[in-house]
Every structure is written in C-alpha cells, then in structure tokens.
C-alpha cells in the first residue's frame, strides 16, 4: 500500500511540475523562461507517464533531469540566451581582470549594477558561459554534502536557474556543504567553505552564525573560534581588495542598489510581502526593513537560547530564517525560494540518515560503590 501510494505521489509531482513549467512559458515575458517552460514542461509530462510504473521511476527521473536541465541549458547557451545576471557575472569578471574591481563606479542602468560580492566575479573570469561553472559548483557542493538527488535537480526552482542563469545555486550549495562539515566536527573546512559562500552573496552570511552555534554546542569554544577565524578571513580576503579599489562602486552596487537606495530600481520585484509593503504602503520600505531586522534578531536570539545540536536542526533553522528574509526584503523574487528548498532537503535527508546528525554521546564515568554497597 505504501509503495503504491509513493508511486502515485511521484507521478502527480511530475505532473504538477509540468503544469508549473507550461504556465511559466505562457505568462513570462522573458525569452529564456519561455524556452525553458516549453522544453521542461514536455519533459515533466513524459516523466509523469513513466512514473506510473514502479520499474520506470528511475527512467522518469533521468527524463526529468535531461529535459528540464540538460537540454534547455545546452540550447540556451548555444543560442546565447540567458538571464541578465549571466551577463553581469561575465562582465564583472572582465572588469576584475582589467581594473582590479568587478564594479562600475558610475552605474546608472540596471545592467551596470553588480549586486554580488566580489567572489562571484570569479565565475566570469573562467572561460565559456558562466552557467557551466555556476551549475557545476552547485552540483559538486551538493554531491560533497550527500545531496546527489535527481529529483532535487529536476525541481523547477532548481532546474530553471540551472538553465537560464542561477548565481544563487553555488551559494546555497556551499551553505549546505558548510553545515555538513560543521556537523562532522571539521571547523576549519566548514569555515573555509562558508567563507567562500559569504564572498559570493550577502544571502550566505546568515549561515555563518548558524554554523558557529552548531560547532560551539557540539565541540566547544576553541573549535568555534577556529571556525569563525577561518570563515571571516576567507570572506574578507575576497571582499576587501575590491572594497578598497572601488569603494563607491561597491557601495552603490552591493548595498544601495539591493536596498532600493539608488535612482535605478532593482528588477527583483516578485509580489511577496516585503515588496508589496514597499510599493503600496506609505513608508512601507521602512516597515519592511524593520520587520526584516526583527526577524533576524529573533533568529539570532534562538541561536543563543536554543542552539542547534544537529545538522538537521541547523539546516531547518537557517531555512526558516532565509524564508522570512526573502519574504520581507523590499526587492525580492520567487527564485530566492531555492534557498529554503535546498536547505529543507538537507534537513530531511540528514534526518533520514541520522548517522551524520546524531549528537555524540558523552562518556559515562562509572561511579565507585560505597562501602555499605560493597559490603552488601
């Protein structure tokens, strides 16, 4: 009975993905999104048919990954189509090589702004389309964290950015790997990985205190200090040179532009609470930022009062915090939901495995019997 129900649920899941992809192809005004929607929608529909049989489930997942990721990615790269962020990353890499800073000092148009931290420019330095390197880093990080699952890669929230240009993917992949390393008692490696993630985007910075609390409660103060030192040193080594080279360009692109403090507004405007407050409520931007600060403070307090003791709890706590942040940011988009999705998958998988998340048992010291007990 459970097996039959599982097969039925997977079939319906692929059918739901097909509906989402085809709906995106109809409503989106972006060419890459429409191409992905048509190709992925057909692949999801074929996967739903194949998933009807128990023996065909592996084939259904192969079809879903191939049709939702591989085929549209190759097609879009060959045609030179992609989201604006791909061009931004590639241009920032060329600016880094020629000027020493990935930022345009006098940015005015949307395409001139680079809202990412300097580490992201490295994906633009590498040869070829940046999507190969962004997606490759994401898949490699997930594999190292034990999340090599076809269904996760084929999920529309992951497959779409893999094909059209997802710079959030390597960030969340490194976040997952950093939490896993922290749970395994490897503070130095965890600091290096999470420091690298923090050098890519601001969205990775909430993972730093979560991993710190996890290491501190499991291993103690000295490993936690080692982790913090490595993480901050890694992030600062990547960020500070660009800040010193072009402080005004860094401020306008990385701080002012995402917060809506420039004359040019960010195109990230999905109808989530933060954007709706900023757009339709008087002083709504201030209200949204205040709510964002309050939610961040509550998550920080929870790390002190009830620190996470397992990777599962740490991943779930981070997913909750980022969900609140994505919902309350004035400039936000649905694509940011990939963070809680992947982190939630990590929490679910580590709960299933159990071995990597269990808190080590403290050694029990035998108690010597009293003289009276010994006499008895």
Protein backbone atom coordinates (compact mmCIF):
# COMPACT_ATOMS: atom_id res chain seq x y z
CA UNK A 1 0.00 0.00 0.00
CA UNK A 2 2.75 2.49 0.95
CA UNK A 3 4.71 1.57 -2.19
CA UNK A 4 1.67 2.17 -4.43
CA UNK A 5 0.97 5.49 -2.73
CA UNK A 6 4.60 6.57 -3.23
CA UNK A 7 4.47 5.77 -6.95
CA UNK A 8 1.22 7.69 -7.28
CA UNK A 9 2.64 10.71 -5.46
CA UNK A 10 5.73 10.84 -7.69
CA UNK A 11 3.56 10.69 -10.78
CA UNK A 12 1.46 13.58 -9.54
CA UNK A 13 4.59 15.52 -8.56
CA UNK A 14 5.95 15.37 -12.11
CA UNK A 15 2.54 16.31 -13.48
CA UNK A 16 2.47 19.33 -11.18
CA UNK A 17 5.93 20.34 -12.37
CA UNK A 18 4.67 20.13 -15.96
CA UNK A 19 1.81 22.49 -15.16
CA UNK A 20 4.18 24.97 -13.49
CA UNK A 21 6.64 24.91 -16.40
CA UNK A 22 3.99 25.35 -19.08
CA UNK A 23 2.32 28.14 -17.07
CA UNK A 24 5.65 29.95 -16.90
CA UNK A 25 6.03 29.62 -20.65
CA UNK A 26 2.63 31.29 -21.09
CA UNK A 27 2.88 34.15 -18.58
CA UNK A 28 6.59 35.07 -18.70
CA UNK A 29 7.81 37.90 -20.89
CA UNK A 30 11.41 36.62 -20.79
CA UNK A 31 12.54 34.57 -23.78
CA UNK A 32 14.80 32.16 -21.84
CA UNK A 33 11.98 31.42 -19.41
CA UNK A 34 9.57 30.64 -22.22
CA UNK A 35 12.06 28.30 -23.89
CA UNK A 36 12.69 26.52 -20.60
CA UNK A 37 8.96 26.28 -19.86
CA UNK A 38 8.11 24.57 -23.14
CA UNK A 39 11.03 22.11 -23.10
CA UNK A 40 10.80 21.32 -19.39
CA UNK A 41 7.01 21.05 -19.48
CA UNK A 42 7.20 18.33 -22.12
CA UNK A 43 9.90 16.51 -20.15
CA UNK A 44 7.92 16.65 -16.91
CA UNK A 45 4.83 15.31 -18.70
CA UNK A 46 6.85 12.39 -20.07
CA UNK A 47 8.28 11.76 -16.59
CA UNK A 48 4.76 11.68 -15.14
CA UNK A 49 3.78 8.99 -17.64
CA UNK A 50 6.90 6.94 -16.95
CA UNK A 51 6.48 7.26 -13.17
CA UNK A 52 3.18 5.40 -13.37
CA UNK A 53 5.15 2.16 -13.34
CA UNK A 54 7.38 1.24 -10.44
CA UNK A 55 10.16 -0.06 -12.69
CA UNK A 56 10.12 3.11 -14.78
CA UNK A 57 10.69 5.55 -11.90
CA UNK A 58 14.49 5.78 -12.45
CA UNK A 59 13.87 6.41 -16.15
CA UNK A 60 11.33 9.10 -15.23
CA UNK A 61 13.93 10.94 -13.16
CA UNK A 62 16.51 10.71 -15.94
CA UNK A 63 14.00 12.15 -18.42
CA UNK A 64 13.08 14.94 -15.98
CA UNK A 65 16.70 15.97 -15.39
CA UNK A 66 17.61 15.73 -19.06
CA UNK A 67 14.54 17.63 -20.25
CA UNK A 68 14.41 20.26 -17.51
CA UNK A 69 18.14 20.94 -17.12
CA UNK A 70 20.46 19.50 -19.77
CA UNK A 71 18.52 20.13 -22.98
CA UNK A 72 17.40 23.70 -22.21
CA UNK A 73 20.81 24.60 -20.79
CA UNK A 74 22.67 23.43 -23.90
CA UNK A 75 20.08 25.06 -26.17
CA UNK A 76 20.15 28.43 -24.39
CA UNK A 77 23.93 28.54 -24.13
CA UNK A 78 24.27 27.67 -27.82
CA UNK A 79 21.78 30.39 -28.76
CA UNK A 80 23.43 32.92 -26.44
CA UNK A 81 20.23 33.41 -24.41
CA UNK A 82 20.15 33.80 -20.65
CA UNK A 83 19.08 35.99 -17.80
CA UNK A 84 20.70 39.37 -17.25
CA UNK A 85 22.64 38.02 -14.27
CA UNK A 86 24.76 35.84 -16.58
CA UNK A 87 25.97 38.91 -18.48
CA UNK A 88 26.52 40.76 -15.18
CA UNK A 89 28.71 37.95 -13.81
CA UNK A 90 30.71 37.64 -17.02
CA UNK A 91 31.24 41.41 -17.28
CA UNK A 92 32.26 41.64 -13.63
CA UNK A 93 34.90 39.00 -14.28
CA UNK A 94 36.34 41.01 -17.16
CA UNK A 95 36.28 44.19 -15.05
CA UNK A 96 38.10 42.37 -12.28
CA UNK A 97 40.86 41.39 -14.69
CA UNK A 98 41.21 44.83 -16.28
CA UNK A 99 40.54 47.26 -13.41
CA UNK A 100 41.00 45.19 -10.24
CA UNK A 101 37.37 45.73 -9.22
CA UNK A 102 34.21 44.00 -10.53
CA UNK A 103 32.11 47.16 -10.06
CA UNK A 104 31.24 50.09 -12.32
CA UNK A 105 31.82 53.34 -10.42
CA UNK A 106 29.13 55.43 -12.12
CA UNK A 107 26.45 52.78 -12.65
CA UNK A 108 23.14 54.20 -13.86
CA UNK A 109 21.35 51.50 -15.89
CA UNK A 110 20.20 48.22 -14.34
CA UNK A 111 22.75 46.27 -16.37
CA UNK A 112 25.58 48.40 -14.94
CA UNK A 113 24.92 47.29 -11.36
CA UNK A 114 26.61 44.21 -9.94
CA UNK A 115 24.77 43.39 -6.68
CA UNK A 116 27.00 40.42 -5.89
CA UNK A 117 30.05 40.26 -3.68
CA UNK A 118 33.46 40.13 -5.39
CA UNK A 119 33.84 36.35 -5.23
CA UNK A 120 31.04 35.93 -7.78
CA UNK A 121 33.22 37.61 -10.41
CA UNK A 122 35.48 34.54 -10.44
CA UNK A 123 32.75 32.66 -12.34
CA UNK A 124 33.03 35.34 -15.02
CA UNK A 125 36.80 35.03 -15.23
CA UNK A 126 36.61 31.34 -16.13
CA UNK A 127 36.32 30.53 -19.86
CA UNK A 128 32.98 29.84 -21.52
CA UNK A 129 29.46 30.60 -20.36
CA UNK A 130 29.27 31.30 -16.63
CA UNK A 131 26.32 28.92 -16.27
CA UNK A 132 28.58 25.89 -16.71
CA UNK A 133 30.69 26.94 -13.73
CA UNK A 134 27.77 28.13 -11.57
CA UNK A 135 25.87 24.89 -12.09
CA UNK A 136 28.99 22.75 -11.77
CA UNK A 137 29.90 24.32 -8.43
CA UNK A 138 26.35 23.73 -7.18
CA UNK A 139 26.25 20.07 -8.21
CA UNK A 140 29.74 19.42 -6.81
CA UNK A 141 28.85 21.02 -3.46
CA UNK A 142 25.62 19.01 -3.21
CA UNK A 143 27.46 15.78 -4.01
CA UNK A 144 30.05 16.52 -1.32
CA UNK A 145 27.21 17.21 1.13
CA UNK A 146 25.46 13.94 0.24
CA UNK A 147 22.56 15.55 -1.64
CA UNK A 148 23.09 13.99 -5.07
CA UNK A 149 19.39 13.51 -5.84
CA UNK A 150 17.90 13.66 -9.32
CA UNK A 151 14.54 14.85 -8.04
CA UNK A 152 16.16 17.90 -6.43
CA UNK A 153 17.98 18.86 -9.64
CA UNK A 154 14.78 18.40 -11.66
CA UNK A 155 12.65 20.52 -9.32
CA UNK A 156 11.54 23.67 -11.21
CA UNK A 157 13.03 26.02 -8.58
CA UNK A 158 16.43 24.41 -9.24
CA UNK A 159 16.16 23.37 -12.89
CA UNK A 160 15.09 26.81 -14.12
CA UNK A 161 18.08 28.73 -12.70
CA UNK A 162 20.43 25.94 -13.78
CA UNK A 163 19.30 26.54 -17.36
CA UNK A 164 18.82 30.31 -17.52
CA UNK A 165 21.49 31.51 -15.09
CA UNK A 166 21.39 30.78 -11.37
CA UNK A 167 24.03 32.56 -9.32
CA UNK A 168 22.18 31.63 -6.12
CA UNK A 169 22.87 27.93 -6.72
CA UNK A 170 26.58 27.76 -5.82
CA UNK A 171 25.84 29.90 -2.77
CA UNK A 172 23.22 27.56 -1.31
CA UNK A 173 25.28 24.53 -2.33
CA UNK A 174 28.28 25.78 -0.35
CA UNK A 175 25.99 26.63 2.57
CA UNK A 176 24.77 23.03 2.71
CA UNK A 177 28.31 21.66 2.48
CA UNK A 178 29.50 24.04 5.21
CA UNK A 179 26.75 22.93 7.60
CA UNK A 180 27.54 19.27 6.94
CA UNK A 181 31.23 19.85 7.64
CA UNK A 182 30.37 21.74 10.81
CA UNK A 183 28.23 18.82 11.96
CA UNK A 184 31.08 16.39 11.23
CA UNK A 185 33.40 18.29 13.56
CA UNK A 186 35.59 19.90 10.89
CA UNK A 187 35.55 23.59 11.86
CA UNK A 188 38.44 24.63 9.62
CA UNK A 189 36.93 23.16 6.48
CA UNK A 190 33.48 24.45 7.41
CA UNK A 191 34.92 27.95 7.85
CA UNK A 192 36.69 27.77 4.50
CA UNK A 193 33.55 26.64 2.64
CA UNK A 194 31.17 29.07 4.33
CA UNK A 195 33.68 31.88 3.99
CA UNK A 196 33.79 31.18 0.26
CA UNK A 197 29.97 31.27 0.14
CA UNK A 198 29.97 34.55 2.06
CA UNK A 199 32.31 36.02 -0.57
CA UNK A 200 29.68 35.37 -3.26
CA UNK A 201 26.45 36.93 -1.96
CA UNK A 202 25.03 38.51 1.18
CA UNK A 203 22.45 35.72 1.31
CA UNK A 204 25.16 33.34 2.58
CA UNK A 205 26.02 35.41 5.66
CA UNK A 206 23.15 34.09 7.85
CA UNK A 207 24.78 30.64 7.59
CA UNK A 208 27.88 31.87 9.45
CA UNK A 209 26.27 32.31 12.91
CA UNK A 210 24.15 29.17 12.48
CA UNK A 211 27.24 27.04 11.85
CA UNK A 212 29.05 28.83 14.69
CA UNK A 213 26.28 27.89 17.13
CA UNK A 214 26.30 24.29 15.86
CA UNK A 215 30.07 23.93 16.33
CA UNK A 216 30.07 25.66 19.71
CA UNK A 217 27.38 23.43 21.20
CA UNK A 218 28.86 20.22 19.78
CA UNK A 219 32.61 20.84 20.01
CA UNK A 220 33.18 23.75 22.37
CA UNK A 221 34.62 27.24 22.26
CA UNK A 222 38.05 26.61 20.75
CA UNK A 223 36.81 24.85 17.57
CA UNK A 224 34.12 27.53 17.24
CA UNK A 225 36.78 30.25 17.42
CA UNK A 226 38.85 28.44 14.80
CA UNK A 227 35.83 28.19 12.51
CA UNK A 228 34.97 31.88 12.91
CA UNK A 229 38.55 32.95 12.22
CA UNK A 230 38.83 30.88 9.04
CA UNK A 231 35.37 31.91 7.77
CA UNK A 232 35.84 35.64 8.30
CA UNK A 233 39.40 35.59 6.98
CA UNK A 234 38.30 33.79 3.81
CA UNK A 235 35.41 36.17 3.17
CA UNK A 236 37.41 39.30 3.92
CA UNK A 237 40.32 38.19 1.73
CA UNK A 238 37.92 38.09 -1.22
CA UNK A 239 35.87 41.20 -0.40
CA UNK A 240 38.31 43.79 0.98
CA UNK A 241 40.52 44.25 -2.12
CA UNK A 242 37.51 45.27 -4.23
CA UNK A 243 36.16 47.50 -1.48
CA UNK A 244 39.48 49.34 -1.26
CA UNK A 245 39.86 49.54 -5.04
CA UNK A 246 36.39 50.96 -5.74
CA UNK A 247 34.56 51.89 -2.51
CA UNK A 248 31.88 53.97 -4.25
CA UNK A 249 31.21 51.30 -6.87
CA UNK A 250 30.99 48.63 -4.15
CA UNK A 251 28.56 50.71 -2.07
CA UNK A 252 26.27 51.61 -4.96
CA UNK A 253 26.07 48.10 -6.42
CA UNK A 254 26.21 45.83 -3.37
CA UNK A 255 24.48 47.90 -0.69
CA UNK A 256 22.46 50.80 -2.11
CA UNK A 257 21.04 49.07 -5.21
CA UNK A 258 19.57 45.97 -3.47
CA UNK A 259 18.09 48.15 -0.72
CA UNK A 260 16.44 50.48 -3.22
CA UNK A 261 18.57 53.49 -2.25
CA UNK A 262 19.54 54.38 -5.82
CA UNK A 263 17.57 56.14 -8.55
CA UNK A 264 17.65 52.89 -10.53
CA UNK A 265 15.33 50.30 -9.05
CA UNK A 266 16.10 46.60 -8.90
CA UNK A 267 14.13 44.37 -11.30
CA UNK A 268 13.65 41.88 -8.44
CA UNK A 269 10.01 42.64 -7.69
CA UNK A 270 8.04 39.46 -7.05
CA UNK A 271 4.76 40.12 -5.19
CA UNK A 272 5.99 38.94 -1.80
CA UNK A 273 5.13 40.82 1.44
CA UNK A 274 8.26 42.97 1.55
CA UNK A 275 7.84 44.23 -2.00
CA UNK A 276 4.11 44.81 -1.55
CA UNK A 277 4.76 46.86 1.58
CA UNK A 278 7.42 48.93 -0.17
CA UNK A 279 5.26 49.50 -3.25
CA UNK A 280 1.82 50.20 -1.81
CA UNK A 281 2.11 51.24 1.85
CA UNK A 282 3.31 54.70 2.96
CA UNK A 283 6.80 54.30 4.43
CA UNK A 284 6.40 50.65 3.50
CA UNK A 285 10.09 50.22 2.72
CA UNK A 286 10.98 51.31 6.26
CA UNK A 287 8.34 48.94 7.67
CA UNK A 288 9.63 46.04 5.59
CA UNK A 289 13.23 46.67 6.65
CA UNK A 290 12.14 46.94 10.31
CA UNK A 291 10.30 43.62 10.09
CA UNK A 292 13.36 42.12 8.41
CA UNK A 293 15.57 43.33 11.27
CA UNK A 294 13.15 41.96 13.89
CA UNK A 295 13.05 38.53 12.23
CA UNK A 296 16.86 38.46 12.05
CA UNK A 297 17.05 39.38 15.74
CA UNK A 298 14.62 36.62 16.71
CA UNK A 299 16.61 34.02 14.79
CA UNK A 300 19.82 35.28 16.44
CA UNK A 301 18.24 35.03 19.90
CA UNK A 302 17.09 31.48 19.13
CA UNK A 303 20.68 30.52 18.31
CA UNK A 304 21.75 31.65 21.78
CA UNK A 305 18.77 30.39 23.77
CA UNK A 306 18.33 27.12 21.91
CA UNK A 307 21.36 26.46 19.69
CA UNK A 308 21.08 23.75 17.03
CA UNK A 309 22.70 20.47 18.07
CA UNK A 310 22.36 18.62 14.76
CA UNK A 311 22.81 19.40 11.08
CA UNK A 312 19.11 18.78 10.59
CA UNK A 313 18.08 21.41 13.11
CA UNK A 314 20.72 23.87 11.87
CA UNK A 315 19.56 23.50 8.26
CA UNK A 316 15.91 23.86 9.27
CA UNK A 317 16.66 26.95 11.38
CA UNK A 318 18.59 28.53 8.53
CA UNK A 319 15.83 27.68 6.05
CA UNK A 320 13.29 29.38 8.33
CA UNK A 321 15.41 32.49 8.73
CA UNK A 322 16.02 32.81 4.99
CA UNK A 323 12.34 32.24 4.23
CA UNK A 324 11.48 35.19 6.44
CA UNK A 325 14.23 37.28 4.87
CA UNK A 326 13.17 36.50 1.30
CA UNK A 327 9.55 37.29 2.12
CA UNK A 328 10.33 40.62 3.80
CA UNK A 329 13.05 42.08 1.56
CA UNK A 330 11.74 45.09 -0.41
CA UNK A 331 13.49 43.85 -3.58
CA UNK A 332 12.86 40.13 -3.80
CA UNK A 333 11.95 37.42 -6.28
CA UNK A 334 10.49 33.93 -6.24
CA UNK A 335 13.85 32.49 -7.31
CA UNK A 336 15.19 33.11 -3.81
CA UNK A 337 12.95 30.29 -2.60
CA UNK A 338 15.66 27.92 -3.81
CA UNK A 339 17.46 28.61 -0.52
CA UNK A 340 14.82 27.19 1.85
CA UNK A 341 14.06 24.42 -0.66
CA UNK A 342 17.64 23.08 -0.79
CA UNK A 343 18.28 23.64 2.92
CA UNK A 344 15.00 21.94 3.74
CA UNK A 345 16.05 18.98 1.61
CA UNK A 346 19.30 18.81 3.57
CA UNK A 347 17.34 18.77 6.83
CA UNK A 348 15.08 16.00 5.56
CA UNK A 349 17.92 13.86 4.23
CA UNK A 350 20.05 14.15 7.35
CA UNK A 351 17.03 13.21 9.45
CA UNK A 352 16.62 10.06 7.34
CA UNK A 353 20.29 9.08 7.55
CA UNK A 354 20.66 10.00 11.20
CA UNK A 355 24.30 8.98 11.41
CA UNK A 356 25.73 12.37 10.45
CA UNK A 357 23.37 14.35 12.64
CA UNK A 358 23.34 12.43 15.88
CA UNK A 359 24.88 14.24 18.82
CA UNK A 360 27.86 12.33 20.14
CA UNK A 361 27.10 10.60 23.37
CA UNK A 362 29.04 11.86 26.35
CA UNK A 363 31.23 9.26 28.03
CA UNK A 364 29.74 7.89 31.20
CA UNK A 365 32.08 7.76 34.17
CA UNK A 366 31.47 4.72 36.38
CA UNK A 367 30.66 5.51 40.00
CA UNK A 368 32.51 3.53 42.60
CA UNK A 369 30.20 1.75 45.10
CA UNK A 370 30.14 2.95 48.65
CA UNK A 371 31.48 0.79 51.47
CA UNK A 372 27.97 -0.08 52.53
CA UNK A 373 27.02 -1.13 48.96
CA UNK A 374 30.23 -3.12 48.61
CA UNK A 375 29.52 -4.94 51.84
CA UNK A 376 26.08 -5.89 50.59
